[in-house]
Amino acid sequence: MTTEMTGNARDRLARLRAQKSQQVTGNTPKPKADRTHQSRETIILDLMVQVLKGEITNGHLLQQLRKRLLGLNQDKFAALVGVSRKTISDIERDKGSPSQQLLNDVFKPFGLKAGIVPVSQSQLEKLVSKAHDELLSS
């Protein structure tokens, strides 16, 4: 599971860096609504790192995002994304083989989609480093 690095993602990352810089320099913090947005971004990024490290599965990722960000039970989330509760349950328990389209549908509310992720730790580190360098240069 990967995030597509869009202009929105770069903008969010820039805002997070700016907010962190303000905290370090002691500048006035953002209004509460922005901190809520920052908290949401932090949760997503922290969970994505865990997925990339192989610490949690895509199913556990979905469960954590559903509960922590939306506060919805499986029934309500299933209705939101247009699938059955059983389908959500199966994905969260890593049962079956959901299609890429199904994964895209259930992760869409969080700004995520299914993708190809390097299996090799060294390739993953190079990818993250390259993405980081490109973000800093843009």
C-alpha atoms as a PDB file:
ATOM      1  CA  MET A   1       0.000   0.000   0.000  1.00  0.00           C
ATOM      2  CA  THR A   2       1.509   3.331  -1.017  1.00  0.00           C
ATOM      3  CA  THR A   3       0.409   6.893  -1.239  1.00  0.00           C
ATOM      4  CA  GLU A   4       0.554   8.589  -4.594  1.00  0.00           C
ATOM      5  CA  MET A   5       2.826  11.612  -4.225  1.00  0.00           C
ATOM      6  CA  THR A   6       0.605  14.351  -5.600  1.00  0.00           C
ATOM      7  CA  GLY A   7       0.775  18.088  -5.257  1.00  0.00           C
ATOM      8  CA  ASN A   8      -1.613  17.754  -2.312  1.00  0.00           C
ATOM      9  CA  ALA A   9       0.728  15.331  -0.557  1.00  0.00           C
ATOM     10  CA  ARG A  10       3.680  17.661  -1.118  1.00  0.00           C
ATOM     11  CA  ASP A  11       1.614  20.568   0.215  1.00  0.00           C
ATOM     12  CA  ARG A  12       0.637  18.574   3.309  1.00  0.00           C
ATOM     13  CA  LEU A  13       4.252  17.568   3.925  1.00  0.00           C
ATOM     14  CA  ALA A  14       5.340  21.201   3.584  1.00  0.00           C
ATOM     15  CA  ARG A  15       2.658  22.276   6.089  1.00  0.00           C
ATOM     16  CA  LEU A  16       3.807  19.591   8.531  1.00  0.00           C
ATOM     17  CA  ARG A  17       7.401  20.751   8.219  1.00  0.00           C
ATOM     18  CA  ALA A  18       6.356  24.372   8.730  1.00  0.00           C
ATOM     19  CA  GLN A  19       4.317  23.455  11.795  1.00  0.00           C
ATOM     20  CA  LYS A  20       7.224  21.472  13.242  1.00  0.00           C
ATOM     21  CA  SER A  21       9.531  24.415  12.570  1.00  0.00           C
ATOM     22  CA  GLN A  22       7.135  26.740  14.400  1.00  0.00           C
ATOM     23  CA  GLN A  23       7.113  24.410  17.401  1.00  0.00           C
ATOM     24  CA  VAL A  24      10.925  24.343  17.472  1.00  0.00           C
ATOM     25  CA  THR A  25      11.263  28.128  17.126  1.00  0.00           C
ATOM     26  CA  GLY A  26       8.484  28.841  19.594  1.00  0.00           C
ATOM     27  CA  ASN A  27       6.228  30.664  17.128  1.00  0.00           C
ATOM     28  CA  THR A  28       2.508  30.796  17.717  1.00  0.00           C
ATOM     29  CA  PRO A  29       0.851  27.404  17.108  1.00  0.00           C
ATOM     30  CA  LYS A  30      -1.729  26.898  14.367  1.00  0.00           C
ATOM     31  CA  PRO A  31      -5.424  27.146  15.225  1.00  0.00           C
ATOM     32  CA  LYS A  32      -7.083  24.052  16.663  1.00  0.00           C
ATOM     33  CA  ALA A  33      -8.583  22.974  13.299  1.00  0.00           C
ATOM     34  CA  ASP A  34      -5.098  22.803  11.776  1.00  0.00           C
ATOM     35  CA  ARG A  35      -3.837  20.755  14.704  1.00  0.00           C
ATOM     36  CA  THR A  36      -6.673  18.316  14.074  1.00  0.00           C
ATOM     37  CA  HIS A  37      -5.588  18.122  10.430  1.00  0.00           C
ATOM     38  CA  GLN A  38      -1.986  17.699  11.563  1.00  0.00           C
ATOM     39  CA  SER A  39      -3.030  14.920  13.920  1.00  0.00           C
ATOM     40  CA  ARG A  40      -4.829  13.149  11.067  1.00  0.00           C
ATOM     41  CA  GLU A  41      -1.763  13.457   8.850  1.00  0.00           C
ATOM     42  CA  THR A  42       0.508  12.240  11.624  1.00  0.00           C
ATOM     43  CA  ILE A  43      -1.662   9.172  12.206  1.00  0.00           C
ATOM     44  CA  ILE A  44      -1.682   8.308   8.501  1.00  0.00           C
ATOM     45  CA  LEU A  45       2.065   8.812   8.116  1.00  0.00           C
ATOM     46  CA  ASP A  46       2.906   6.830  11.257  1.00  0.00           C
ATOM     47  CA  LEU A  47       0.717   3.924  10.134  1.00  0.00           C
ATOM     48  CA  MET A  48       2.154   4.027   6.604  1.00  0.00           C
ATOM     49  CA  VAL A  49       5.672   3.766   8.007  1.00  0.00           C
ATOM     50  CA  GLN A  50       4.580   0.701   9.983  1.00  0.00           C
ATOM     51  CA  VAL A  51       3.150  -0.861   6.804  1.00  0.00           C
ATOM     52  CA  LEU A  52       6.319  -0.142   4.834  1.00  0.00           C
ATOM     53  CA  LYS A  53       8.441  -1.659   7.598  1.00  0.00           C
ATOM     54  CA  GLY A  54       6.243  -4.754   7.580  1.00  0.00           C
ATOM     55  CA  GLU A  55       5.152  -4.177  11.180  1.00  0.00           C
ATOM     56  CA  ILE A  56       1.430  -4.149  10.340  1.00  0.00           C
ATOM     57  CA  THR A  57      -0.615  -5.555   7.475  1.00  0.00           C
ATOM     58  CA  ASN A  58      -2.850  -3.669   5.075  1.00  0.00           C
ATOM     59  CA  GLY A  59      -5.791  -5.147   6.961  1.00  0.00           C
ATOM     60  CA  HIS A  60      -4.590  -3.769  10.270  1.00  0.00           C
ATOM     61  CA  LEU A  61      -3.898  -0.451   8.549  1.00  0.00           C
ATOM     62  CA  LEU A  62      -7.497  -0.266   7.332  1.00  0.00           C
ATOM     63  CA  GLN A  63      -8.847  -1.146  10.771  1.00  0.00           C
ATOM     64  CA  GLN A  64      -6.726   1.506  12.494  1.00  0.00           C
ATOM     65  CA  LEU A  65      -7.616   4.193   9.945  1.00  0.00           C
ATOM     66  CA  ARG A  66     -11.331   3.353  10.127  1.00  0.00           C
ATOM     67  CA  LYS A  67     -11.425   3.472  13.918  1.00  0.00           C
ATOM     68  CA  ARG A  68      -8.971   6.271  14.677  1.00  0.00           C
ATOM     69  CA  LEU A  69      -9.795   8.712  11.894  1.00  0.00           C
ATOM     70  CA  LEU A  70     -13.450   8.074  11.165  1.00  0.00           C
ATOM     71  CA  GLY A  71     -14.655   6.456  14.385  1.00  0.00           C
ATOM     72  CA  LEU A  72     -16.950   4.206  12.353  1.00  0.00           C
ATOM     73  CA  ASN A  73     -17.905   0.609  12.951  1.00  0.00           C
ATOM     74  CA  GLN A  74     -17.551  -1.870  10.098  1.00  0.00           C
ATOM     75  CA  ASP A  75     -21.216  -1.568   9.082  1.00  0.00           C
ATOM     76  CA  LYS A  76     -21.111   2.213   8.701  1.00  0.00           C
ATOM     77  CA  PHE A  77     -17.738   2.192   6.973  1.00  0.00           C
ATOM     78  CA  ALA A  78     -18.912  -0.528   4.565  1.00  0.00           C
ATOM     79  CA  ALA A  79     -21.926   1.602   3.656  1.00  0.00           C
ATOM     80  CA  LEU A  80     -19.663   4.618   3.142  1.00  0.00           C
ATOM     81  CA  VAL A  81     -17.417   2.813   0.648  1.00  0.00           C
ATOM     82  CA  GLY A  82     -20.177   0.706  -0.948  1.00  0.00           C
ATOM     83  CA  VAL A  83     -19.193  -2.805   0.100  1.00  0.00           C
ATOM     84  CA  SER A  84     -20.517  -5.357   2.590  1.00  0.00           C
ATOM     85  CA  ARG A  85     -19.515  -5.494   6.252  1.00  0.00           C
ATOM     86  CA  LYS A  86     -18.147  -8.987   5.614  1.00  0.00           C
ATOM     87  CA  THR A  87     -15.851  -7.612   2.918  1.00  0.00           C
ATOM     88  CA  ILE A  88     -14.463  -5.036   5.368  1.00  0.00           C
ATOM     89  CA  SER A  89     -14.069  -7.732   8.014  1.00  0.00           C
ATOM     90  CA  ASP A  90     -12.242 -10.022   5.582  1.00  0.00           C
ATOM     91  CA  ILE A  91      -9.850  -7.265   4.500  1.00  0.00           C
ATOM     92  CA  GLU A  92      -9.129  -6.247   8.103  1.00  0.00           C
ATOM     93  CA  ARG A  93      -8.415  -9.883   9.019  1.00  0.00           C
ATOM     94  CA  ASP A  94      -6.260 -10.313   5.895  1.00  0.00           C
ATOM     95  CA  LYS A  95      -8.582 -13.030   4.592  1.00  0.00           C
ATOM     96  CA  GLY A  96      -9.088 -13.685   0.904  1.00  0.00           C
ATOM     97  CA  SER A  97      -7.499 -11.863  -2.002  1.00  0.00           C
ATOM     98  CA  PRO A  98      -9.191  -8.506  -2.542  1.00  0.00           C
ATOM     99  CA  SER A  99      -8.725  -6.935  -5.956  1.00  0.00           C
ATOM    100  CA  GLN A 100      -6.663  -3.816  -6.389  1.00  0.00           C
ATOM    101  CA  GLN A 101      -9.850  -1.913  -7.234  1.00  0.00           C
ATOM    102  CA  LEU A 102     -11.493  -3.057  -3.992  1.00  0.00           C
ATOM    103  CA  LEU A 103      -8.453  -1.974  -1.984  1.00  0.00           C
ATOM    104  CA  ASN A 104      -8.490   1.380  -3.767  1.00  0.00           C
ATOM    105  CA  ASP A 105     -12.178   1.787  -2.921  1.00  0.00           C
ATOM    106  CA  VAL A 106     -11.769   1.074   0.804  1.00  0.00           C
ATOM    107  CA  PHE A 107      -8.619   3.172   1.239  1.00  0.00           C
ATOM    108  CA  LYS A 108      -9.884   6.122  -0.834  1.00  0.00           C
ATOM    109  CA  PRO A 109     -11.494   7.948   2.158  1.00  0.00           C
ATOM    110  CA  PHE A 110      -7.977   8.205   3.641  1.00  0.00           C
ATOM    111  CA  GLY A 111      -6.271   9.458   0.487  1.00  0.00           C
ATOM    112  CA  LEU A 112      -4.521   6.133  -0.102  1.00  0.00           C
ATOM    113  CA  LYS A 113      -4.523   3.577  -2.882  1.00  0.00           C
ATOM    114  CA  ALA A 114      -2.990   0.180  -3.576  1.00  0.00           C
ATOM    115  CA  GLY A 115       0.434   0.194  -5.175  1.00  0.00           C
ATOM    116  CA  ILE A 116       3.731  -1.547  -5.642  1.00  0.00           C
ATOM    117  CA  VAL A 117       6.114  -1.396  -2.709  1.00  0.00           C
ATOM    118  CA  PRO A 118       9.704  -2.678  -2.759  1.00  0.00           C
ATOM    119  CA  VAL A 119      10.218  -5.899  -0.819  1.00  0.00           C
ATOM    120  CA  SER A 120      13.917  -5.250  -0.251  1.00  0.00           C
ATOM    121  CA  GLN A 121      14.635  -3.035   2.742  1.00  0.00           C
ATOM    122  CA  SER A 122      17.549  -1.370   0.917  1.00  0.00           C
ATOM    123  CA  GLN A 123      15.360  -0.550  -2.100  1.00  0.00           C
ATOM    124  CA  LEU A 124      12.701   0.852   0.218  1.00  0.00           C
ATOM    125  CA  GLU A 125      15.274   3.036   1.995  1.00  0.00           C
ATOM    126  CA  LYS A 126      16.581   4.322  -1.359  1.00  0.00           C
ATOM    127  CA  LEU A 127      13.040   5.091  -2.515  1.00  0.00           C
ATOM    128  CA  VAL A 128      12.217   6.997   0.671  1.00  0.00           C
ATOM    129  CA  SER A 129      15.509   8.878   0.500  1.00  0.00           C
ATOM    130  CA  LYS A 130      14.971   9.835  -3.141  1.00  0.00           C
ATOM    131  CA  ALA A 131      11.393  10.977  -2.454  1.00  0.00           C
ATOM    132  CA  HIS A 132      12.628  12.995   0.524  1.00  0.00           C
ATOM    133  CA  ASP A 133      15.365  14.664  -1.533  1.00  0.00           C
ATOM    134  CA  GLU A 134      12.954  15.519  -4.341  1.00  0.00           C
ATOM    135  CA  LEU A 135      10.449  17.000  -1.908  1.00  0.00           C
ATOM    136  CA  LEU A 136      13.108  19.197  -0.360  1.00  0.00           C
ATOM    137  CA  SER A 137      14.271  20.435  -3.754  1.00  0.00           C
ATOM    138  CA  SER A 138      10.776  21.358  -4.996  1.00  0.00           C
END
